[in-house]
Amino acid sequence: MSNKPITLYGHATGPNPWKVAIILEELKIPYETKYMDMGDLKKPAFEKLNPNGRVPAIEDPNTSITLGESGAIIEYLVDTYDTTHSLTYTKSPEKYQVKQWLHFQMSGQGPYFGQAAWFEKFHPEKIASARDRYKDQIKRVLQVLDKHLSSTGKEYLVGDKCTYADLSFVTWDMMVPWIFGDEAGSLEIEKNYPSYHAWNQRLMQRPSVQKIGQDKQKAMSGK
C-alpha cells in the first residue's frame, strides 16, 4: 500500500475529529487536517463525504475510500493500518470486547456529553431538568468506567494494553471541566471515580494525546 496522506475533515472545537486524529497519531499514519466552516457541512459538496453532514470524515487516497462517522473511521484505520495489532486484539473475546467499549463511547459517552454541553452552553433557555439530566448522565458514564476498571483491576478497558477503545473516550473526557464550569470541582473525580481517574491520567500521558491536545489549542486560537 502506498503512503499518501489521508485527509481528515474536522473543525477546531468538536471532540470527534480529534478522536480520529489520536488514532492517526498512534498508528503514525500520514494525514492532513482540513478545518471546515460549520456552515459548509450541510452543503452537497461535504454531504458527498458524509451524508450526515458532520465531521469527521476522511478521504484515503491509498484505498480510494471516503468515510464518515468517527467510530467507523477508527475501525477502518485499525483494520487497514494497524498491521501489528498494537491497538487491538485479533481473537475472541478481546476483539469483541474492544468493539463493545467503542460502541459504548459512541452510544453513551458522546451523545450524553454532547447534550450536556448543548444545554449548559448553547441552548437559549436554561432548562434545569435538561441540564440536571445530562450532567447526571456524565456522572453515570464515569461510574460505569470506574466500576469496570475497579472490578477487573486492570489498567485498561480490555486485556493488558491500551486499545482504540480506551483512546476513543479521551477527547470527550477533556470537555468535562468546561461543561461543568464552576461546578467541576464538585465532581471530585479523583475521590469519587479513582480507577477512572488513574486510567484517564495514563491516557493523557500518551504522546499522541499530548500532541493532539496541543494541536487543538493551536487550532482554537487560530495559529
N, C-alpha and C. Protein backbone atom coordinates (compact mmCIF):
# COMPACT_ATOMS: atom_id res chain seq x y z
N MET A 1 0.84 -1.20 0.00
CA MET A 1 0.00 0.00 0.00
C MET A 1 0.87 1.24 0.00
N SER A 2 0.50 2.23 -0.82
CA SER A 2 1.24 3.49 -0.83
C SER A 2 0.98 4.24 0.46
N ASN A 3 1.69 5.33 0.65
CA ASN A 3 1.66 6.02 1.93
C ASN A 3 1.33 7.49 1.75
N LYS A 4 0.32 7.78 0.93
CA LYS A 4 -0.12 9.15 0.72
C LYS A 4 -0.91 9.62 1.95
N PRO A 5 -0.84 10.90 2.28
CA PRO A 5 -1.56 11.37 3.47
C PRO A 5 -3.07 11.24 3.33
N ILE A 6 -3.69 10.80 4.39
CA ILE A 6 -5.15 10.81 4.50
C ILE A 6 -5.61 12.23 4.79
N THR A 7 -6.71 12.64 4.20
CA THR A 7 -7.33 13.93 4.53
C THR A 7 -8.37 13.70 5.62
N LEU A 8 -8.20 14.39 6.73
CA LEU A 8 -9.16 14.34 7.84
C LEU A 8 -9.92 15.66 7.86
N TYR A 9 -11.22 15.59 7.70
CA TYR A 9 -12.07 16.78 7.76
C TYR A 9 -12.57 16.94 9.20
N GLY A 10 -12.35 18.13 9.75
CA GLY A 10 -12.76 18.37 11.12
C GLY A 10 -13.04 19.84 11.35
N HIS A 11 -13.20 20.21 12.61
CA HIS A 11 -13.21 21.63 13.00
C HIS A 11 -12.54 21.74 14.35
N ALA A 12 -12.23 22.95 14.74
CA ALA A 12 -11.31 23.16 15.86
C ALA A 12 -11.85 22.65 17.18
N THR A 13 -13.15 22.78 17.41
CA THR A 13 -13.67 22.55 18.75
C THR A 13 -14.23 21.15 18.98
N GLY A 14 -14.79 20.53 17.97
CA GLY A 14 -15.50 19.27 18.16
C GLY A 14 -14.61 18.12 18.57
N PRO A 15 -15.03 17.31 19.55
CA PRO A 15 -14.19 16.21 20.04
C PRO A 15 -13.99 15.07 19.04
N ASN A 16 -14.99 14.80 18.19
CA ASN A 16 -14.92 13.59 17.37
C ASN A 16 -13.80 13.60 16.32
N PRO A 17 -13.55 14.70 15.61
CA PRO A 17 -12.41 14.69 14.70
C PRO A 17 -11.08 14.50 15.43
N TRP A 18 -10.95 15.08 16.60
CA TRP A 18 -9.70 14.93 17.37
C TRP A 18 -9.55 13.50 17.86
N LYS A 19 -10.66 12.82 18.10
CA LYS A 19 -10.62 11.41 18.48
C LYS A 19 -9.98 10.59 17.36
N VAL A 20 -10.37 10.87 16.13
CA VAL A 20 -9.77 10.18 14.98
C VAL A 20 -8.29 10.55 14.85
N ALA A 21 -7.98 11.83 15.08
CA ALA A 21 -6.58 12.27 14.95
C ALA A 21 -5.67 11.53 15.92
N ILE A 22 -6.15 11.23 17.11
CA ILE A 22 -5.34 10.48 18.08
C ILE A 22 -4.97 9.11 17.50
N ILE A 23 -5.92 8.44 16.88
CA ILE A 23 -5.64 7.14 16.28
C ILE A 23 -4.65 7.27 15.14
N LEU A 24 -4.79 8.29 14.32
CA LEU A 24 -3.83 8.53 13.24
C LEU A 24 -2.43 8.73 13.79
N GLU A 25 -2.33 9.48 14.90
CA GLU A 25 -1.03 9.70 15.53
C GLU A 25 -0.47 8.40 16.12
N GLU A 26 -1.31 7.65 16.78
CA GLU A 26 -0.87 6.40 17.39
C GLU A 26 -0.29 5.45 16.35
N LEU A 27 -0.94 5.38 15.20
CA LEU A 27 -0.52 4.45 14.16
C LEU A 27 0.48 5.06 13.19
N LYS A 28 0.84 6.32 13.45
CA LYS A 28 1.84 7.01 12.62
C LYS A 28 1.44 7.00 11.14
N ILE A 29 0.17 7.28 10.91
CA ILE A 29 -0.36 7.37 9.55
C ILE A 29 -0.25 8.82 9.09
N PRO A 30 0.38 9.10 7.96
CA PRO A 30 0.43 10.48 7.47
C PRO A 30 -0.98 11.01 7.20
N TYR A 31 -1.22 12.23 7.63
CA TYR A 31 -2.55 12.82 7.39
C TYR A 31 -2.46 14.34 7.38
N GLU A 32 -3.44 14.93 6.76
CA GLU A 32 -3.60 16.39 6.74
C GLU A 32 -5.01 16.71 7.22
N THR A 33 -5.13 17.70 8.08
CA THR A 33 -6.44 18.09 8.59
C THR A 33 -6.96 19.28 7.81
N LYS A 34 -8.18 19.18 7.35
CA LYS A 34 -8.85 20.29 6.69
C LYS A 34 -9.97 20.76 7.62
N TYR A 35 -9.82 21.98 8.13
CA TYR A 35 -10.81 22.52 9.06
C TYR A 35 -11.97 23.12 8.28
N MET A 36 -13.16 22.65 8.60
CA MET A 36 -14.36 23.05 7.89
C MET A 36 -15.11 24.15 8.63
N ASP A 37 -15.71 25.06 7.87
CA ASP A 37 -16.66 26.00 8.44
C ASP A 37 -17.97 25.26 8.71
N MET A 38 -18.56 25.53 9.85
CA MET A 38 -19.78 24.81 10.22
C MET A 38 -20.87 24.97 9.16
N GLY A 39 -20.94 26.13 8.53
CA GLY A 39 -21.97 26.37 7.53
C GLY A 39 -21.83 25.55 6.28
N ASP A 40 -20.66 24.97 6.06
CA ASP A 40 -20.42 24.19 4.85
C ASP A 40 -20.76 22.71 5.02
N LEU A 41 -21.02 22.29 6.24
CA LEU A 41 -21.19 20.85 6.48
C LEU A 41 -22.49 20.29 5.90
N LYS A 42 -23.51 21.13 5.75
CA LYS A 42 -24.79 20.66 5.21
C LYS A 42 -24.93 20.95 3.72
N LYS A 43 -23.85 21.36 3.10
CA LYS A 43 -23.88 21.62 1.66
C LYS A 43 -23.56 20.34 0.90
N PRO A 44 -24.06 20.24 -0.34
CA PRO A 44 -23.89 18.99 -1.12
C PRO A 44 -22.45 18.52 -1.24
N ALA A 45 -21.50 19.44 -1.36
CA ALA A 45 -20.10 19.03 -1.54
C ALA A 45 -19.61 18.21 -0.37
N PHE A 46 -19.95 18.65 0.85
CA PHE A 46 -19.50 17.88 2.01
C PHE A 46 -20.38 16.67 2.26
N GLU A 47 -21.66 16.76 1.96
CA GLU A 47 -22.54 15.62 2.19
C GLU A 47 -22.18 14.43 1.30
N LYS A 48 -21.41 14.68 0.24
CA LYS A 48 -20.89 13.57 -0.55
C LYS A 48 -19.83 12.78 0.25
N LEU A 49 -19.17 13.48 1.18
CA LEU A 49 -18.18 12.82 2.02
C LEU A 49 -18.84 12.14 3.21
N ASN A 50 -19.79 12.80 3.81
CA ASN A 50 -20.54 12.23 4.93
C ASN A 50 -22.00 12.64 4.77
N PRO A 51 -22.88 11.72 4.42
CA PRO A 51 -24.29 12.08 4.20
C PRO A 51 -24.94 12.72 5.42
N ASN A 52 -24.38 12.49 6.62
CA ASN A 52 -24.92 13.08 7.84
C ASN A 52 -24.55 14.55 7.97
N GLY A 53 -23.64 15.03 7.15
CA GLY A 53 -23.28 16.44 7.18
C GLY A 53 -22.58 16.87 8.45
N ARG A 54 -21.75 15.99 8.98
CA ARG A 54 -21.00 16.31 10.19
C ARG A 54 -19.57 15.80 10.06
N VAL A 55 -18.70 16.41 10.83
CA VAL A 55 -17.33 15.92 10.89
C VAL A 55 -17.21 14.97 12.09
N PRO A 56 -16.26 14.00 11.99
CA PRO A 56 -15.21 13.88 10.99
C PRO A 56 -15.66 13.12 9.74
N ALA A 57 -14.84 13.30 8.72
CA ALA A 57 -14.87 12.44 7.54
C ALA A 57 -13.42 12.30 7.09
N ILE A 58 -13.15 11.24 6.34
CA ILE A 58 -11.81 11.08 5.80
C ILE A 58 -11.89 10.73 4.33
N GLU A 59 -10.83 11.07 3.62
CA GLU A 59 -10.57 10.56 2.28
C GLU A 59 -9.20 9.90 2.31
N ASP A 60 -9.15 8.64 1.94
CA ASP A 60 -7.89 7.90 1.94
C ASP A 60 -7.49 7.60 0.51
N PRO A 61 -6.49 8.32 -0.01
CA PRO A 61 -6.08 8.09 -1.40
C PRO A 61 -5.39 6.75 -1.60
N ASN A 62 -4.97 6.14 -0.51
CA ASN A 62 -4.29 4.84 -0.63
C ASN A 62 -5.26 3.70 -0.95
N THR A 63 -6.52 3.87 -0.54
CA THR A 63 -7.51 2.82 -0.78
C THR A 63 -8.72 3.34 -1.54
N SER A 64 -8.74 4.65 -1.81
CA SER A 64 -9.85 5.30 -2.53
C SER A 64 -11.16 5.25 -1.75
N ILE A 65 -11.07 5.16 -0.42
CA ILE A 65 -12.28 5.13 0.38
C ILE A 65 -12.56 6.51 0.96
N THR A 66 -13.84 6.87 0.99
CA THR A 66 -14.32 8.05 1.68
C THR A 66 -15.26 7.56 2.78
N LEU A 67 -15.09 8.11 3.98
CA LEU A 67 -15.81 7.53 5.12
C LEU A 67 -16.14 8.61 6.13
N GLY A 68 -17.33 8.54 6.69
CA GLY A 68 -17.73 9.41 7.78
C GLY A 68 -18.03 8.60 9.03
N GLU A 69 -18.32 9.31 10.12
CA GLU A 69 -18.64 8.74 11.43
C GLU A 69 -17.38 8.24 12.12
N SER A 70 -17.10 8.82 13.28
CA SER A 70 -15.81 8.61 13.95
C SER A 70 -15.56 7.15 14.30
N GLY A 71 -16.56 6.45 14.78
CA GLY A 71 -16.36 5.05 15.15
C GLY A 71 -16.01 4.20 13.95
N ALA A 72 -16.73 4.40 12.85
CA ALA A 72 -16.45 3.64 11.63
C ALA A 72 -15.05 3.97 11.10
N ILE A 73 -14.67 5.24 11.18
CA ILE A 73 -13.34 5.64 10.72
C ILE A 73 -12.26 4.97 11.56
N ILE A 74 -12.45 4.96 12.87
CA ILE A 74 -11.46 4.33 13.75
C ILE A 74 -11.32 2.85 13.44
N GLU A 75 -12.44 2.16 13.28
CA GLU A 75 -12.36 0.73 12.96
C GLU A 75 -11.67 0.51 11.61
N TYR A 76 -11.95 1.36 10.65
CA TYR A 76 -11.29 1.25 9.35
C TYR A 76 -9.79 1.46 9.46
N LEU A 77 -9.37 2.49 10.18
CA LEU A 77 -7.94 2.78 10.31
C LEU A 77 -7.22 1.62 10.98
N VAL A 78 -7.82 1.07 12.02
CA VAL A 78 -7.19 -0.04 12.73
C VAL A 78 -7.14 -1.28 11.83
N ASP A 79 -8.24 -1.58 11.16
CA ASP A 79 -8.27 -2.76 10.29
C ASP A 79 -7.28 -2.64 9.13
N THR A 80 -7.07 -1.42 8.64
CA THR A 80 -6.27 -1.23 7.44
C THR A 80 -4.80 -1.00 7.75
N TYR A 81 -4.52 -0.27 8.84
CA TYR A 81 -3.15 0.20 9.06
C TYR A 81 -2.47 -0.37 10.30
N ASP A 82 -3.22 -0.94 11.21
CA ASP A 82 -2.60 -1.47 12.44
C ASP A 82 -2.14 -2.91 12.18
N THR A 83 -1.11 -3.05 11.39
CA THR A 83 -0.66 -4.38 10.96
C THR A 83 -0.04 -5.18 12.10
N THR A 84 0.41 -4.51 13.14
CA THR A 84 0.99 -5.23 14.29
C THR A 84 -0.02 -5.40 15.42
N HIS A 85 -1.25 -4.94 15.20
CA HIS A 85 -2.33 -5.07 16.19
C HIS A 85 -1.96 -4.40 17.52
N SER A 86 -1.32 -3.24 17.41
CA SER A 86 -0.88 -2.53 18.61
C SER A 86 -2.04 -1.96 19.41
N LEU A 87 -3.16 -1.66 18.74
CA LEU A 87 -4.30 -1.03 19.41
C LEU A 87 -5.52 -1.94 19.47
N THR A 88 -5.34 -3.21 19.18
CA THR A 88 -6.50 -4.10 19.15
C THR A 88 -6.07 -5.52 19.45
N TYR A 89 -7.05 -6.40 19.39
CA TYR A 89 -6.81 -7.84 19.55
C TYR A 89 -7.42 -8.54 18.34
N THR A 90 -6.92 -9.71 18.04
CA THR A 90 -7.39 -10.44 16.86
C THR A 90 -8.24 -11.65 17.22
N LYS A 91 -8.31 -12.00 18.49
CA LYS A 91 -9.05 -13.19 18.89
C LYS A 91 -10.16 -12.84 19.87
N SER A 92 -11.17 -13.68 19.89
CA SER A 92 -12.27 -13.56 20.84
C SER A 92 -11.79 -14.06 22.22
N PRO A 93 -12.27 -13.46 23.31
CA PRO A 93 -13.32 -12.44 23.39
C PRO A 93 -12.81 -11.00 23.29
N GLU A 94 -11.49 -10.80 23.40
CA GLU A 94 -10.97 -9.43 23.49
C GLU A 94 -11.32 -8.60 22.25
N LYS A 95 -11.26 -9.22 21.09
CA LYS A 95 -11.55 -8.50 19.85
C LYS A 95 -12.92 -7.83 19.92
N TYR A 96 -13.90 -8.55 20.45
CA TYR A 96 -15.27 -8.04 20.50
C TYR A 96 -15.51 -7.18 21.73
N GLN A 97 -14.77 -7.42 22.78
CA GLN A 97 -14.88 -6.55 23.96
C GLN A 97 -14.38 -5.14 23.64
N VAL A 98 -13.33 -5.04 22.82
CA VAL A 98 -12.86 -3.72 22.40
C VAL A 98 -13.96 -3.01 21.62
N LYS A 99 -14.63 -3.73 20.73
CA LYS A 99 -15.74 -3.14 19.97
C LYS A 99 -16.87 -2.71 20.91
N GLN A 100 -17.12 -3.53 21.94
CA GLN A 100 -18.16 -3.19 22.91
C GLN A 100 -17.92 -1.82 23.52
N TRP A 101 -16.68 -1.56 23.93
CA TRP A 101 -16.38 -0.28 24.58
C TRP A 101 -16.39 0.87 23.59
N LEU A 102 -15.98 0.64 22.36
CA LEU A 102 -16.10 1.69 21.35
C LEU A 102 -17.57 2.05 21.14
N HIS A 103 -18.43 1.03 21.08
CA HIS A 103 -19.85 1.30 20.89
C HIS A 103 -20.46 2.00 22.10
N PHE A 104 -19.99 1.68 23.29
CA PHE A 104 -20.45 2.41 24.47
C PHE A 104 -20.02 3.87 24.40
N GLN A 105 -18.82 4.12 23.95
CA GLN A 105 -18.37 5.50 23.81
C GLN A 105 -19.28 6.26 22.85
N MET A 106 -19.63 5.63 21.73
CA MET A 106 -20.44 6.31 20.72
C MET A 106 -21.90 6.45 21.12
N SER A 107 -22.43 5.46 21.85
CA SER A 107 -23.85 5.49 22.21
C SER A 107 -24.11 6.10 23.57
N GLY A 108 -23.10 6.04 24.46
CA GLY A 108 -23.27 6.51 25.82
C GLY A 108 -22.54 7.81 26.09
N GLN A 109 -21.21 7.78 25.98
CA GLN A 109 -20.46 8.98 26.32
C GLN A 109 -20.75 10.14 25.37
N GLY A 110 -20.53 9.95 24.08
CA GLY A 110 -20.63 11.06 23.13
C GLY A 110 -21.97 11.78 23.16
N PRO A 111 -23.09 11.06 22.98
CA PRO A 111 -24.39 11.75 22.98
C PRO A 111 -24.73 12.44 24.29
N TYR A 112 -24.46 11.79 25.42
CA TYR A 112 -24.81 12.41 26.69
C TYR A 112 -23.93 13.61 27.00
N PHE A 113 -22.64 13.48 26.74
CA PHE A 113 -21.75 14.61 26.97
C PHE A 113 -22.10 15.76 26.03
N GLY A 114 -22.42 15.41 24.78
CA GLY A 114 -22.79 16.45 23.82
C GLY A 114 -24.05 17.19 24.20
N GLN A 115 -25.07 16.46 24.68
CA GLN A 115 -26.29 17.12 25.11
C GLN A 115 -26.06 17.97 26.36
N ALA A 116 -25.22 17.48 27.25
CA ALA A 116 -24.88 18.28 28.43
C ALA A 116 -24.23 19.59 28.00
N ALA A 117 -23.31 19.52 27.05
CA ALA A 117 -22.65 20.74 26.56
C ALA A 117 -23.68 21.67 25.93
N TRP A 118 -24.61 21.13 25.16
CA TRP A 118 -25.61 21.96 24.50
C TRP A 118 -26.47 22.71 25.52
N PHE A 119 -27.00 21.99 26.48
CA PHE A 119 -27.92 22.63 27.43
C PHE A 119 -27.21 23.53 28.43
N GLU A 120 -25.92 23.28 28.66
CA GLU A 120 -25.17 24.15 29.56
C GLU A 120 -24.67 25.42 28.87
N LYS A 121 -24.29 25.30 27.61
CA LYS A 121 -23.55 26.39 26.97
C LYS A 121 -24.28 27.08 25.82
N PHE A 122 -25.20 26.38 25.15
CA PHE A 122 -25.70 26.94 23.90
C PHE A 122 -27.21 27.09 23.82
N HIS A 123 -27.95 26.29 24.55
CA HIS A 123 -29.41 26.37 24.44
C HIS A 123 -29.88 27.75 24.91
N PRO A 124 -30.78 28.39 24.15
CA PRO A 124 -31.17 29.77 24.52
C PRO A 124 -31.90 29.88 25.84
N GLU A 125 -32.55 28.81 26.27
CA GLU A 125 -33.23 28.82 27.57
C GLU A 125 -32.48 27.92 28.54
N LYS A 126 -32.43 28.32 29.78
CA LYS A 126 -31.81 27.49 30.81
C LYS A 126 -32.87 26.58 31.41
N ILE A 127 -32.86 25.32 30.96
CA ILE A 127 -33.86 24.35 31.40
C ILE A 127 -33.22 23.45 32.45
N ALA A 128 -33.61 23.65 33.68
CA ALA A 128 -32.94 22.97 34.79
C ALA A 128 -33.03 21.45 34.67
N SER A 129 -34.18 20.95 34.27
CA SER A 129 -34.36 19.50 34.21
C SER A 129 -33.44 18.87 33.17
N ALA A 130 -33.28 19.53 32.04
CA ALA A 130 -32.40 19.01 30.99
C ALA A 130 -30.94 19.11 31.42
N ARG A 131 -30.59 20.23 32.02
CA ARG A 131 -29.20 20.40 32.48
C ARG A 131 -28.85 19.34 33.51
N ASP A 132 -29.77 19.11 34.47
CA ASP A 132 -29.50 18.12 35.51
C ASP A 132 -29.44 16.71 34.93
N ARG A 133 -30.35 16.41 34.00
CA ARG A 133 -30.38 15.06 33.43
C ARG A 133 -29.05 14.72 32.77
N TYR A 134 -28.55 15.60 31.92
CA TYR A 134 -27.37 15.24 31.15
C TYR A 134 -26.09 15.32 31.98
N LYS A 135 -26.05 16.20 32.96
CA LYS A 135 -24.90 16.17 33.86
C LYS A 135 -24.92 14.90 34.72
N ASP A 136 -26.10 14.45 35.09
CA ASP A 136 -26.20 13.18 35.82
C ASP A 136 -25.75 12.01 34.94
N GLN A 137 -26.04 12.10 33.64
CA GLN A 137 -25.61 11.04 32.74
C GLN A 137 -24.09 11.02 32.56
N ILE A 138 -23.46 12.18 32.60
CA ILE A 138 -21.99 12.21 32.60
C ILE A 138 -21.46 11.45 33.81
N LYS A 139 -22.04 11.72 34.96
CA LYS A 139 -21.61 11.02 36.18
C LYS A 139 -21.85 9.52 36.06
N ARG A 140 -22.95 9.14 35.43
CA ARG A 140 -23.24 7.72 35.26
C ARG A 140 -22.18 7.05 34.36
N VAL A 141 -21.81 7.72 33.27
CA VAL A 141 -20.79 7.17 32.38
C VAL A 141 -19.46 7.02 33.11
N LEU A 142 -19.10 8.03 33.89
CA LEU A 142 -17.87 7.93 34.68
C LEU A 142 -17.94 6.75 35.64
N GLN A 143 -19.11 6.54 36.22
CA GLN A 143 -19.28 5.44 37.17
C GLN A 143 -19.16 4.09 36.48
N VAL A 144 -19.74 3.96 35.28
CA VAL A 144 -19.63 2.70 34.52
C VAL A 144 -18.17 2.36 34.26
N LEU A 145 -17.41 3.35 33.80
CA LEU A 145 -15.99 3.13 33.51
C LEU A 145 -15.22 2.81 34.78
N ASP A 146 -15.48 3.57 35.83
CA ASP A 146 -14.78 3.36 37.09
C ASP A 146 -15.06 1.98 37.66
N LYS A 147 -16.32 1.57 37.64
CA LYS A 147 -16.70 0.28 38.19
C LYS A 147 -16.05 -0.86 37.42
N HIS A 148 -16.02 -0.74 36.09
CA HIS A 148 -15.41 -1.80 35.28
C HIS A 148 -13.91 -1.90 35.56
N LEU A 149 -13.24 -0.77 35.55
CA LEU A 149 -11.79 -0.78 35.78
C LEU A 149 -11.47 -1.27 37.19
N SER A 150 -12.27 -0.88 38.16
CA SER A 150 -12.05 -1.31 39.53
C SER A 150 -12.28 -2.81 39.69
N SER A 151 -13.32 -3.32 39.06
CA SER A 151 -13.67 -4.73 39.23
C SER A 151 -12.67 -5.66 38.54
N THR A 152 -12.08 -5.20 37.43
CA THR A 152 -11.10 -6.04 36.73
C THR A 152 -9.70 -5.86 37.30
N GLY A 153 -9.44 -4.72 37.94
CA GLY A 153 -8.11 -4.43 38.47
C GLY A 153 -7.08 -4.19 37.39
N LYS A 154 -7.54 -3.90 36.18
CA LYS A 154 -6.62 -3.70 35.07
C LYS A 154 -6.43 -2.22 34.76
N GLU A 155 -5.37 -1.92 34.03
CA GLU A 155 -5.05 -0.53 33.72
C GLU A 155 -5.86 -0.01 32.54
N TYR A 156 -6.38 -0.92 31.70
CA TYR A 156 -7.12 -0.51 30.51
C TYR A 156 -8.41 -1.30 30.41
N LEU A 157 -9.28 -0.91 29.51
CA LEU A 157 -10.61 -1.47 29.45
C LEU A 157 -10.63 -2.94 29.07
N VAL A 158 -9.72 -3.34 28.20
CA VAL A 158 -9.71 -4.72 27.70
C VAL A 158 -8.28 -5.26 27.73
N GLY A 159 -8.11 -6.44 28.27
CA GLY A 159 -6.81 -7.10 28.21
C GLY A 159 -5.75 -6.36 28.99
N ASP A 160 -4.55 -6.37 28.43
CA ASP A 160 -3.39 -5.84 29.15
C ASP A 160 -2.72 -4.68 28.43
N LYS A 161 -3.46 -4.00 27.54
CA LYS A 161 -2.85 -2.89 26.81
C LYS A 161 -3.90 -1.85 26.44
N CYS A 162 -3.41 -0.68 26.12
CA CYS A 162 -4.28 0.40 25.62
C CYS A 162 -4.74 0.04 24.21
N THR A 163 -6.03 0.17 23.98
CA THR A 163 -6.59 -0.09 22.66
C THR A 163 -7.29 1.14 22.12
N TYR A 164 -7.79 1.00 20.89
CA TYR A 164 -8.52 2.12 20.29
C TYR A 164 -9.78 2.45 21.09
N ALA A 165 -10.30 1.49 21.84
CA ALA A 165 -11.47 1.77 22.66
C ALA A 165 -11.13 2.75 23.79
N ASP A 166 -10.04 2.52 24.49
CA ASP A 166 -9.62 3.45 25.55
C ASP A 166 -9.46 4.86 24.98
N LEU A 167 -8.76 4.94 23.87
CA LEU A 167 -8.43 6.25 23.29
C LEU A 167 -9.66 6.98 22.77
N SER A 168 -10.72 6.25 22.45
CA SER A 168 -11.91 6.90 21.91
C SER A 168 -12.62 7.78 22.93
N PHE A 169 -12.35 7.55 24.22
CA PHE A 169 -13.02 8.34 25.27
C PHE A 169 -12.31 9.67 25.57
N VAL A 170 -11.07 9.81 25.15
CA VAL A 170 -10.22 10.90 25.67
C VAL A 170 -10.76 12.28 25.36
N THR A 171 -11.11 12.54 24.11
CA THR A 171 -11.41 13.93 23.74
C THR A 171 -12.73 14.42 24.33
N TRP A 172 -13.69 13.52 24.55
CA TRP A 172 -14.90 13.94 25.25
C TRP A 172 -14.63 14.14 26.73
N ASP A 173 -13.78 13.28 27.32
CA ASP A 173 -13.43 13.47 28.73
C ASP A 173 -12.76 14.82 28.97
N MET A 174 -11.98 15.27 27.98
CA MET A 174 -11.32 16.57 28.11
C MET A 174 -12.32 17.71 28.30
N MET A 175 -13.56 17.50 27.88
CA MET A 175 -14.56 18.57 27.92
C MET A 175 -15.30 18.67 29.24
N VAL A 176 -15.14 17.69 30.12
CA VAL A 176 -15.92 17.67 31.36
C VAL A 176 -15.74 18.94 32.19
N PRO A 177 -14.49 19.42 32.43
CA PRO A 177 -14.36 20.66 33.20
C PRO A 177 -15.07 21.84 32.55
N TRP A 178 -15.02 21.93 31.23
CA TRP A 178 -15.68 23.03 30.53
C TRP A 178 -17.19 22.92 30.65
N ILE A 179 -17.73 21.70 30.51
CA ILE A 179 -19.17 21.52 30.60
C ILE A 179 -19.69 21.90 31.98
N PHE A 180 -19.00 21.47 33.03
CA PHE A 180 -19.47 21.72 34.39
C PHE A 180 -19.11 23.11 34.88
N GLY A 181 -18.12 23.74 34.27
CA GLY A 181 -17.77 25.10 34.65
C GLY A 181 -17.41 25.22 36.12
N ASP A 182 -18.06 26.15 36.81
CA ASP A 182 -17.77 26.39 38.22
C ASP A 182 -18.12 25.20 39.11
N GLU A 183 -18.92 24.28 38.60
CA GLU A 183 -19.32 23.10 39.37
C GLU A 183 -18.33 21.94 39.20
N ALA A 184 -17.32 22.11 38.37
CA ALA A 184 -16.43 20.99 38.06
C ALA A 184 -15.76 20.42 39.30
N GLY A 185 -15.41 21.30 40.24
CA GLY A 185 -14.75 20.83 41.45
C GLY A 185 -15.61 19.91 42.28
N SER A 186 -16.92 20.08 42.18
CA SER A 186 -17.83 19.27 42.99
C SER A 186 -17.86 17.81 42.53
N LEU A 187 -17.37 17.54 41.32
CA LEU A 187 -17.33 16.16 40.85
C LEU A 187 -16.35 15.32 41.67
N GLU A 188 -15.27 15.96 42.15
CA GLU A 188 -14.23 15.26 42.92
C GLU A 188 -13.88 13.92 42.25
N ILE A 189 -13.45 14.02 41.00
CA ILE A 189 -13.25 12.82 40.19
C ILE A 189 -12.23 11.87 40.80
N GLU A 190 -11.13 12.40 41.30
CA GLU A 190 -10.11 11.52 41.85
C GLU A 190 -10.64 10.74 43.06
N LYS A 191 -11.48 11.38 43.84
CA LYS A 191 -12.05 10.73 45.03
C LYS A 191 -13.20 9.80 44.68
N ASN A 192 -14.12 10.27 43.84
CA ASN A 192 -15.35 9.52 43.58
C ASN A 192 -15.20 8.45 42.49
N TYR A 193 -14.22 8.65 41.60
CA TYR A 193 -14.02 7.70 40.50
C TYR A 193 -12.52 7.41 40.38
N PRO A 194 -11.92 6.81 41.41
CA PRO A 194 -10.46 6.70 41.45
C PRO A 194 -9.86 5.84 40.33
N SER A 195 -10.52 4.74 39.99
CA SER A 195 -9.98 3.89 38.93
C SER A 195 -10.10 4.58 37.57
N TYR A 196 -11.23 5.24 37.36
CA TYR A 196 -11.39 6.04 36.14
C TYR A 196 -10.32 7.13 36.08
N HIS A 197 -10.10 7.81 37.18
CA HIS A 197 -9.14 8.92 37.20
C HIS A 197 -7.74 8.42 36.84
N ALA A 198 -7.32 7.31 37.42
CA ALA A 198 -5.98 6.78 37.14
C ALA A 198 -5.87 6.36 35.67
N TRP A 199 -6.91 5.75 35.15
CA TRP A 199 -6.95 5.35 33.73
C TRP A 199 -6.84 6.57 32.82
N ASN A 200 -7.63 7.58 33.11
CA ASN A 200 -7.62 8.80 32.31
C ASN A 200 -6.25 9.46 32.35
N GLN A 201 -5.61 9.47 33.49
CA GLN A 201 -4.29 10.08 33.59
C GLN A 201 -3.27 9.30 32.77
N ARG A 202 -3.37 7.99 32.73
CA ARG A 202 -2.48 7.19 31.89
C ARG A 202 -2.66 7.56 30.42
N LEU A 203 -3.89 7.70 30.01
CA LEU A 203 -4.17 8.05 28.61
C LEU A 203 -3.66 9.45 28.28
N MET A 204 -3.83 10.37 29.21
CA MET A 204 -3.41 11.76 28.96
C MET A 204 -1.90 11.89 28.83
N GLN A 205 -1.15 10.93 29.32
CA GLN A 205 0.31 10.98 29.24
C GLN A 205 0.85 10.40 27.93
N ARG A 206 -0.01 9.81 27.13
CA ARG A 206 0.47 9.25 25.87
C ARG A 206 0.89 10.36 24.91
N PRO A 207 2.01 10.21 24.21
CA PRO A 207 2.48 11.26 23.30
C PRO A 207 1.43 11.67 22.26
N SER A 208 0.67 10.72 21.76
CA SER A 208 -0.35 11.05 20.76
C SER A 208 -1.40 11.99 21.34
N VAL A 209 -1.82 11.71 22.57
CA VAL A 209 -2.85 12.53 23.21
C VAL A 209 -2.30 13.92 23.52
N GLN A 210 -1.08 13.99 23.99
CA GLN A 210 -0.48 15.29 24.29
C GLN A 210 -0.33 16.13 23.02
N LYS A 211 0.08 15.49 21.93
CA LYS A 211 0.24 16.23 20.67
C LYS A 211 -1.10 16.76 20.18
N ILE A 212 -2.13 15.92 20.23
CA ILE A 212 -3.44 16.36 19.76
C ILE A 212 -3.99 17.46 20.66
N GLY A 213 -3.73 17.37 21.96
CA GLY A 213 -4.14 18.46 22.85
C GLY A 213 -3.50 19.78 22.45
N GLN A 214 -2.23 19.75 22.10
CA GLN A 214 -1.54 20.96 21.65
C GLN A 214 -2.07 21.44 20.31
N ASP A 215 -2.31 20.49 19.40
CA ASP A 215 -2.84 20.87 18.08
C ASP A 215 -4.22 21.50 18.21
N LYS A 216 -5.03 20.98 19.12
CA LYS A 216 -6.36 21.53 19.31
C LYS A 216 -6.29 22.97 19.83
N GLN A 217 -5.39 23.21 20.78
CA GLN A 217 -5.24 24.57 21.31
C GLN A 217 -4.81 25.54 20.21
N LYS A 218 -3.89 25.11 19.36
CA LYS A 218 -3.44 25.95 18.26
C LYS A 218 -4.58 26.23 17.28
N ALA A 219 -5.37 25.19 16.98
CA ALA A 219 -6.48 25.36 16.05
C ALA A 219 -7.53 26.32 16.61
N MET A 220 -7.80 26.20 17.89
CA MET A 220 -8.81 27.06 18.51
C MET A 220 -8.35 28.51 18.60
N SER A 221 -7.03 28.70 18.70
CA SER A 221 -6.51 30.06 18.78
C SER A 221 -6.24 30.65 17.40
N GLY A 222 -6.42 29.84 16.37
CA GLY A 222 -6.21 30.33 15.01
C GLY A 222 -4.77 30.39 14.59
N LYS A 223 -3.86 29.75 15.32
CA LYS A 223 -2.45 29.80 14.98
C LYS A 223 -2.10 28.71 13.98
